[in-house]
Amino acid sequence: MQKRYSKPKALLFGIKVPYELNNGDTILVSSLSKLQIQSLHTTYSLQKHSLIYYTVASSVSTLNGVTYYELEDIYNFIMDISVPTQKDIDVLTKSIKVLQDKKYQTEDFRSCDVCKARGMDKVRNCPMLDKSTHSPTVIYTFEDDNTYILRECPMHDINNSELLGPALELMRHLEHCILPTSGGMLDQTVFVNEVIPIITPLIDKKRQPLQLGL
């Protein structure tokens, strides 16, 4: 079976990841920007094989040693490292929302460790516990959105999210009107393009008192 290296995600910046071919050689696979992916899919949307071939050609420095039968696997690998999953974005959206709500910043909600130490994980619909033990009456609400309700404690996702740190760093970039990579929005990673709409309202909210004071 094809041996693969772990697949990190291109977050604020593009990345290069080693990929082992069937013949034992290793090539470097580069993540693609939003613009590159968009252009390829627009040009070859009706030609699956061409889309796969030219996506791989856009990512690797050489196709030497790459067989026809490996192209689709490499294509999937490129998309995996270039594009965050919808689940990733959903978890990140939830985590940012939790961080903005004051009631989840108290000592009781600071981390899973605090919760476990106080035995509160048993009554909070902890995602680490079997759902058969969860209470149907436990819900988590948010001050700024009455329609947004969670039925599991959100702290586990926050404590284990690999995307939250980069998202908050992106927010700091945007507060100074700087994009991580030179160029426009489409020259950024897909992650940056997906996350900016999530965090822009938070930046606007932080700037609002300054605007009112002018």
C-alpha atoms as a PDB file:
ATOM      1  CA  MET A   1       0.000   0.000   0.000  1.00  0.00           C
ATOM      2  CA  GLN A   2       1.220   3.511  -0.775  1.00  0.00           C
ATOM      3  CA  LYS A   3       3.167   4.928   2.143  1.00  0.00           C
ATOM      4  CA  ARG A   4       2.388   8.573   2.823  1.00  0.00           C
ATOM      5  CA  TYR A   5       3.786  11.188   5.090  1.00  0.00           C
ATOM      6  CA  SER A   6       1.528  13.006   7.517  1.00  0.00           C
ATOM      7  CA  LYS A   7      -0.513  15.726   5.871  1.00  0.00           C
ATOM      8  CA  PRO A   8      -0.342  19.138   7.496  1.00  0.00           C
ATOM      9  CA  LYS A   9      -2.594  21.896   6.187  1.00  0.00           C
ATOM     10  CA  ALA A  10      -1.597  25.070   4.387  1.00  0.00           C
ATOM     11  CA  LEU A  11      -2.915  27.668   6.825  1.00  0.00           C
ATOM     12  CA  LEU A  12      -1.523  31.202   6.775  1.00  0.00           C
ATOM     13  CA  PHE A  13       1.178  30.283   4.276  1.00  0.00           C
ATOM     14  CA  GLY A  14       1.739  27.752   1.545  1.00  0.00           C
ATOM     15  CA  ILE A  15       3.659  24.622   2.461  1.00  0.00           C
ATOM     16  CA  LYS A  16       5.742  21.919   0.805  1.00  0.00           C
ATOM     17  CA  VAL A  17       5.278  18.324   1.933  1.00  0.00           C
ATOM     18  CA  PRO A  18       7.351  15.261   0.962  1.00  0.00           C
ATOM     19  CA  TYR A  19       5.451  12.528  -0.851  1.00  0.00           C
ATOM     20  CA  GLU A  20       6.817   9.033  -1.482  1.00  0.00           C
ATOM     21  CA  LEU A  21       6.214   7.597  -4.942  1.00  0.00           C
ATOM     22  CA  ASN A  22       5.624   3.926  -5.617  1.00  0.00           C
ATOM     23  CA  ASN A  23       9.190   3.573  -6.937  1.00  0.00           C
ATOM     24  CA  GLY A  24      10.602   4.768  -3.611  1.00  0.00           C
ATOM     25  CA  ASP A  25      11.567   8.257  -4.788  1.00  0.00           C
ATOM     26  CA  THR A  26      10.370  11.257  -2.803  1.00  0.00           C
ATOM     27  CA  ILE A  27       8.997  14.421  -4.375  1.00  0.00           C
ATOM     28  CA  LEU A  28       8.001  17.719  -2.780  1.00  0.00           C
ATOM     29  CA  VAL A  29       4.343  18.548  -3.150  1.00  0.00           C
ATOM     30  CA  SER A  30       3.402  22.226  -2.798  1.00  0.00           C
ATOM     31  CA  SER A  31       0.038  23.418  -1.596  1.00  0.00           C
ATOM     32  CA  LEU A  32      -1.868  25.626  -4.011  1.00  0.00           C
ATOM     33  CA  SER A  33      -3.360  29.066  -3.441  1.00  0.00           C
ATOM     34  CA  LYS A  34      -7.045  29.867  -3.798  1.00  0.00           C
ATOM     35  CA  LEU A  35      -6.308  31.466  -7.176  1.00  0.00           C
ATOM     36  CA  GLN A  36      -4.435  28.430  -8.504  1.00  0.00           C
ATOM     37  CA  ILE A  37      -7.157  26.016  -7.464  1.00  0.00           C
ATOM     38  CA  GLN A  38      -9.896  28.259  -8.789  1.00  0.00           C
ATOM     39  CA  SER A  39      -8.162  28.742 -12.140  1.00  0.00           C
ATOM     40  CA  LEU A  40      -7.519  25.028 -12.596  1.00  0.00           C
ATOM     41  CA  HIS A  41     -11.089  24.061 -11.754  1.00  0.00           C
ATOM     42  CA  THR A  42     -12.497  26.763 -14.011  1.00  0.00           C
ATOM     43  CA  THR A  43     -10.310  25.762 -16.961  1.00  0.00           C
ATOM     44  CA  TYR A  44     -10.679  21.998 -16.617  1.00  0.00           C
ATOM     45  CA  SER A  45     -14.044  21.629 -14.869  1.00  0.00           C
ATOM     46  CA  LEU A  46     -15.334  19.326 -17.617  1.00  0.00           C
ATOM     47  CA  GLN A  47     -12.076  17.413 -18.112  1.00  0.00           C
ATOM     48  CA  LYS A  48     -11.355  15.401 -14.993  1.00  0.00           C
ATOM     49  CA  HIS A  49      -8.129  13.825 -16.245  1.00  0.00           C
ATOM     50  CA  SER A  50      -6.753  17.174 -17.418  1.00  0.00           C
ATOM     51  CA  LEU A  51      -7.703  18.747 -14.093  1.00  0.00           C
ATOM     52  CA  ILE A  52      -5.813  16.056 -12.215  1.00  0.00           C
ATOM     53  CA  TYR A  53      -2.759  16.228 -14.488  1.00  0.00           C
ATOM     54  CA  TYR A  54      -2.390  20.013 -14.509  1.00  0.00           C
ATOM     55  CA  THR A  55      -3.059  20.312 -10.779  1.00  0.00           C
ATOM     56  CA  VAL A  56      -0.215  17.911 -10.073  1.00  0.00           C
ATOM     57  CA  ALA A  57       1.996  19.666 -12.640  1.00  0.00           C
ATOM     58  CA  SER A  58       1.297  22.996 -10.897  1.00  0.00           C
ATOM     59  CA  SER A  59       2.287  21.568  -7.528  1.00  0.00           C
ATOM     60  CA  VAL A  60       5.403  19.458  -8.090  1.00  0.00           C
ATOM     61  CA  SER A  61       8.689  20.624  -9.568  1.00  0.00           C
ATOM     62  CA  THR A  62       9.002  17.567 -11.794  1.00  0.00           C
ATOM     63  CA  LEU A  63       6.800  14.740 -12.965  1.00  0.00           C
ATOM     64  CA  ASN A  64       9.785  12.438 -13.442  1.00  0.00           C
ATOM     65  CA  GLY A  65       9.047   9.125 -11.760  1.00  0.00           C
ATOM     66  CA  VAL A  66       5.327   9.867 -11.425  1.00  0.00           C
ATOM     67  CA  THR A  67       3.234   7.206 -13.135  1.00  0.00           C
ATOM     68  CA  TYR A  68      -0.177   7.748 -14.690  1.00  0.00           C
ATOM     69  CA  TYR A  69      -1.714   5.571 -11.979  1.00  0.00           C
ATOM     70  CA  GLU A  70      -0.320   7.769  -9.189  1.00  0.00           C
ATOM     71  CA  LEU A  71      -1.628  11.070 -10.512  1.00  0.00           C
ATOM     72  CA  GLU A  72      -5.045  10.865  -8.874  1.00  0.00           C
ATOM     73  CA  ASP A  73      -3.570   9.952  -5.482  1.00  0.00           C
ATOM     74  CA  ILE A  74      -1.161  12.888  -5.688  1.00  0.00           C
ATOM     75  CA  TYR A  75      -4.013  15.174  -6.762  1.00  0.00           C
ATOM     76  CA  ASN A  76      -6.035  14.129  -3.705  1.00  0.00           C
ATOM     77  CA  PHE A  77      -2.970  14.686  -1.524  1.00  0.00           C
ATOM     78  CA  ILE A  78      -2.538  18.208  -2.923  1.00  0.00           C
ATOM     79  CA  MET A  79      -6.168  19.061  -2.259  1.00  0.00           C
ATOM     80  CA  ASP A  80      -5.941  17.610   1.255  1.00  0.00           C
ATOM     81  CA  ILE A  81      -3.061  19.881   2.222  1.00  0.00           C
ATOM     82  CA  SER A  82      -4.437  22.912   0.370  1.00  0.00           C
ATOM     83  CA  VAL A  83      -8.088  22.941   1.426  1.00  0.00           C
ATOM     84  CA  PRO A  84      -9.474  22.771   4.981  1.00  0.00           C
ATOM     85  CA  THR A  85     -12.452  20.468   5.375  1.00  0.00           C
ATOM     86  CA  GLN A  86     -15.906  21.821   6.117  1.00  0.00           C
ATOM     87  CA  LYS A  87     -15.668  20.132   9.517  1.00  0.00           C
ATOM     88  CA  ASP A  88     -12.439  22.051  10.210  1.00  0.00           C
ATOM     89  CA  ILE A  89     -14.174  25.345   9.401  1.00  0.00           C
ATOM     90  CA  ASP A  90     -17.281  24.463  11.419  1.00  0.00           C
ATOM     91  CA  VAL A  91     -15.191  23.619  14.491  1.00  0.00           C
ATOM     92  CA  LEU A  92     -13.146  26.798  14.063  1.00  0.00           C
ATOM     93  CA  THR A  93     -16.295  28.927  13.731  1.00  0.00           C
ATOM     94  CA  LYS A  94     -17.632  27.427  16.934  1.00  0.00           C
ATOM     95  CA  SER A  95     -14.348  27.903  18.777  1.00  0.00           C
ATOM     96  CA  ILE A  96     -14.087  31.580  17.826  1.00  0.00           C
ATOM     97  CA  LYS A  97     -17.686  32.143  18.909  1.00  0.00           C
ATOM     98  CA  VAL A  98     -16.946  30.565  22.287  1.00  0.00           C
ATOM     99  CA  LEU A  99     -13.863  32.734  22.780  1.00  0.00           C
ATOM    100  CA  GLN A 100     -15.955  35.855  22.217  1.00  0.00           C
ATOM    101  CA  ASP A 101     -18.556  34.982  24.867  1.00  0.00           C
ATOM    102  CA  LYS A 102     -17.623  36.127  28.378  1.00  0.00           C
ATOM    103  CA  LYS A 103     -19.408  33.329  30.188  1.00  0.00           C
ATOM    104  CA  TYR A 104     -17.016  30.781  28.701  1.00  0.00           C
ATOM    105  CA  GLN A 105     -13.985  32.705  29.967  1.00  0.00           C
ATOM    106  CA  THR A 106     -14.621  31.980  33.646  1.00  0.00           C
ATOM    107  CA  GLU A 107     -12.369  29.620  35.601  1.00  0.00           C
ATOM    108  CA  ASP A 108     -14.916  26.804  35.341  1.00  0.00           C
ATOM    109  CA  PHE A 109     -14.772  26.885  31.542  1.00  0.00           C
ATOM    110  CA  ARG A 110     -11.116  27.653  31.047  1.00  0.00           C
ATOM    111  CA  SER A 111     -10.016  24.162  30.038  1.00  0.00           C
ATOM    112  CA  CYS A 112     -10.919  20.493  30.011  1.00  0.00           C
ATOM    113  CA  ASP A 113      -8.389  19.865  32.805  1.00  0.00           C
ATOM    114  CA  VAL A 114     -10.161  22.289  35.146  1.00  0.00           C
ATOM    115  CA  CYS A 115     -13.496  20.699  34.312  1.00  0.00           C
ATOM    116  CA  LYS A 116     -12.251  17.174  34.955  1.00  0.00           C
ATOM    117  CA  ALA A 117     -10.501  18.148  38.185  1.00  0.00           C
ATOM    118  CA  ARG A 118     -13.795  19.485  39.525  1.00  0.00           C
ATOM    119  CA  GLY A 119     -15.835  16.547  38.233  1.00  0.00           C
ATOM    120  CA  MET A 120     -17.913  18.806  36.004  1.00  0.00           C
ATOM    121  CA  ASP A 121     -17.312  16.778  32.852  1.00  0.00           C
ATOM    122  CA  LYS A 122     -19.951  14.324  34.096  1.00  0.00           C
ATOM    123  CA  VAL A 123     -22.725  16.916  33.895  1.00  0.00           C
ATOM    124  CA  ARG A 124     -21.643  19.027  30.917  1.00  0.00           C
ATOM    125  CA  ASN A 125     -22.194  16.699  27.979  1.00  0.00           C
ATOM    126  CA  CYS A 126     -18.441  16.328  27.635  1.00  0.00           C
ATOM    127  CA  PRO A 127     -17.504  15.232  24.076  1.00  0.00           C
ATOM    128  CA  MET A 128     -14.971  12.840  25.622  1.00  0.00           C
ATOM    129  CA  LEU A 129     -17.742  10.880  27.349  1.00  0.00           C
ATOM    130  CA  ASP A 130     -20.144   8.474  25.672  1.00  0.00           C
ATOM    131  CA  LYS A 131     -23.203  10.266  24.314  1.00  0.00           C
ATOM    132  CA  SER A 132     -25.444   7.751  26.078  1.00  0.00           C
ATOM    133  CA  THR A 133     -24.508   9.517  29.324  1.00  0.00           C
ATOM    134  CA  HIS A 134     -25.375  12.999  28.033  1.00  0.00           C
ATOM    135  CA  SER A 135     -28.331  14.895  29.417  1.00  0.00           C
ATOM    136  CA  PRO A 136     -30.844  16.171  26.847  1.00  0.00           C
ATOM    137  CA  THR A 137     -31.361  19.291  28.960  1.00  0.00           C
ATOM    138  CA  VAL A 138     -27.741  20.529  28.867  1.00  0.00           C
ATOM    139  CA  ILE A 139     -27.266  23.198  26.213  1.00  0.00           C
ATOM    140  CA  TYR A 140     -24.744  25.965  25.613  1.00  0.00           C
ATOM    141  CA  THR A 141     -26.084  29.314  24.461  1.00  0.00           C
ATOM    142  CA  PHE A 142     -24.445  32.544  23.312  1.00  0.00           C
ATOM    143  CA  GLU A 143     -25.171  36.108  24.328  1.00  0.00           C
ATOM    144  CA  ASP A 144     -24.906  37.585  20.837  1.00  0.00           C
ATOM    145  CA  ASP A 145     -26.881  34.885  19.014  1.00  0.00           C
ATOM    146  CA  ASN A 146     -29.976  33.289  20.528  1.00  0.00           C
ATOM    147  CA  THR A 147     -30.281  30.861  17.628  1.00  0.00           C
ATOM    148  CA  TYR A 148     -26.818  29.336  18.098  1.00  0.00           C
ATOM    149  CA  ILE A 149     -26.997  26.390  20.506  1.00  0.00           C
ATOM    150  CA  LEU A 150     -24.467  23.663  21.276  1.00  0.00           C
ATOM    151  CA  ARG A 151     -25.312  20.381  22.953  1.00  0.00           C
ATOM    152  CA  GLU A 152     -21.741  19.405  23.834  1.00  0.00           C
ATOM    153  CA  CYS A 153     -19.196  21.362  25.840  1.00  0.00           C
ATOM    154  CA  PRO A 154     -17.052  23.316  23.329  1.00  0.00           C
ATOM    155  CA  MET A 155     -13.856  23.363  25.389  1.00  0.00           C
ATOM    156  CA  HIS A 156     -12.430  20.150  23.938  1.00  0.00           C
ATOM    157  CA  ASP A 157     -12.408  21.576  20.409  1.00  0.00           C
ATOM    158  CA  ILE A 158     -10.796  24.810  21.592  1.00  0.00           C
ATOM    159  CA  ASN A 159      -8.083  22.993  23.511  1.00  0.00           C
ATOM    160  CA  ASN A 160      -7.282  20.702  20.590  1.00  0.00           C
ATOM    161  CA  SER A 161      -7.809  22.937  17.560  1.00  0.00           C
ATOM    162  CA  GLU A 162      -4.804  23.293  15.257  1.00  0.00           C
ATOM    163  CA  LEU A 163      -6.583  26.055  13.350  1.00  0.00           C
ATOM    164  CA  LEU A 164      -7.538  28.404  16.166  1.00  0.00           C
ATOM    165  CA  GLY A 165      -4.028  29.787  16.725  1.00  0.00           C
ATOM    166  CA  PRO A 166      -3.468  30.593  13.032  1.00  0.00           C
ATOM    167  CA  ALA A 167      -6.959  32.117  12.815  1.00  0.00           C
ATOM    168  CA  LEU A 168      -6.216  34.470  15.719  1.00  0.00           C
ATOM    169  CA  GLU A 169      -2.849  35.313  14.166  1.00  0.00           C
ATOM    170  CA  LEU A 170      -4.652  36.098  10.910  1.00  0.00           C
ATOM    171  CA  MET A 171      -6.916  38.427  12.857  1.00  0.00           C
ATOM    172  CA  ARG A 172      -3.873  40.327  14.121  1.00  0.00           C
ATOM    173  CA  HIS A 173      -2.595  40.607  10.539  1.00  0.00           C
ATOM    174  CA  LEU A 174      -5.906  41.999   9.341  1.00  0.00           C
ATOM    175  CA  GLU A 175      -6.137  44.490  12.194  1.00  0.00           C
ATOM    176  CA  HIS A 176      -3.019  46.053  10.675  1.00  0.00           C
ATOM    177  CA  CYS A 177      -4.438  45.673   7.141  1.00  0.00           C
ATOM    178  CA  ILE A 178      -1.808  43.077   6.220  1.00  0.00           C
ATOM    179  CA  LEU A 179      -2.339  39.802   4.386  1.00  0.00           C
ATOM    180  CA  PRO A 180       0.016  36.907   5.232  1.00  0.00           C
ATOM    181  CA  THR A 181       1.257  36.538   1.638  1.00  0.00           C
ATOM    182  CA  SER A 182       1.993  39.374  -0.786  1.00  0.00           C
ATOM    183  CA  GLY A 183      -0.699  39.908  -3.385  1.00  0.00           C
ATOM    184  CA  GLY A 184      -4.462  39.966  -3.213  1.00  0.00           C
ATOM    185  CA  MET A 185      -7.021  37.776  -1.518  1.00  0.00           C
ATOM    186  CA  LEU A 186      -6.900  35.046  -4.138  1.00  0.00           C
ATOM    187  CA  ASP A 187      -3.117  34.789  -3.781  1.00  0.00           C
ATOM    188  CA  GLN A 188      -3.636  33.614  -0.192  1.00  0.00           C
ATOM    189  CA  THR A 189      -4.267  30.069   0.943  1.00  0.00           C
ATOM    190  CA  VAL A 190      -7.767  28.641   0.884  1.00  0.00           C
ATOM    191  CA  PHE A 191      -7.664  28.718   4.710  1.00  0.00           C
ATOM    192  CA  VAL A 192      -7.165  32.495   4.718  1.00  0.00           C
ATOM    193  CA  ASN A 193     -10.026  32.963   2.252  1.00  0.00           C
ATOM    194  CA  GLU A 194     -12.336  30.740   4.317  1.00  0.00           C
ATOM    195  CA  VAL A 195     -11.476  32.298   7.681  1.00  0.00           C
ATOM    196  CA  ILE A 196     -11.541  36.008   6.808  1.00  0.00           C
ATOM    197  CA  PRO A 197     -15.370  36.116   6.553  1.00  0.00           C
ATOM    198  CA  ILE A 198     -15.543  34.492   9.999  1.00  0.00           C
ATOM    199  CA  ILE A 199     -13.243  36.923  11.775  1.00  0.00           C
ATOM    200  CA  THR A 200     -14.012  40.168   9.901  1.00  0.00           C
ATOM    201  CA  PRO A 201     -17.124  40.893  12.037  1.00  0.00           C
ATOM    202  CA  LEU A 202     -14.977  40.515  15.159  1.00  0.00           C
ATOM    203  CA  ILE A 203     -12.437  43.021  13.829  1.00  0.00           C
ATOM    204  CA  ASP A 204     -15.229  45.446  12.937  1.00  0.00           C
ATOM    205  CA  LYS A 205     -16.664  45.043  16.417  1.00  0.00           C
ATOM    206  CA  LYS A 206     -13.299  45.844  18.025  1.00  0.00           C
ATOM    207  CA  ARG A 207     -12.893  48.949  15.846  1.00  0.00           C
ATOM    208  CA  GLN A 208     -16.389  50.292  16.466  1.00  0.00           C
ATOM    209  CA  PRO A 209     -15.648  52.141  19.755  1.00  0.00           C
ATOM    210  CA  LEU A 210     -12.678  53.854  18.075  1.00  0.00           C
ATOM    211  CA  GLN A 211     -14.877  55.015  15.218  1.00  0.00           C
ATOM    212  CA  LEU A 212     -17.511  56.344  17.603  1.00  0.00           C
ATOM    213  CA  GLY A 213     -14.855  58.317  19.452  1.00  0.00           C
ATOM    214  CA  LEU A 214     -13.763  60.239  16.375  1.00  0.00           C
END
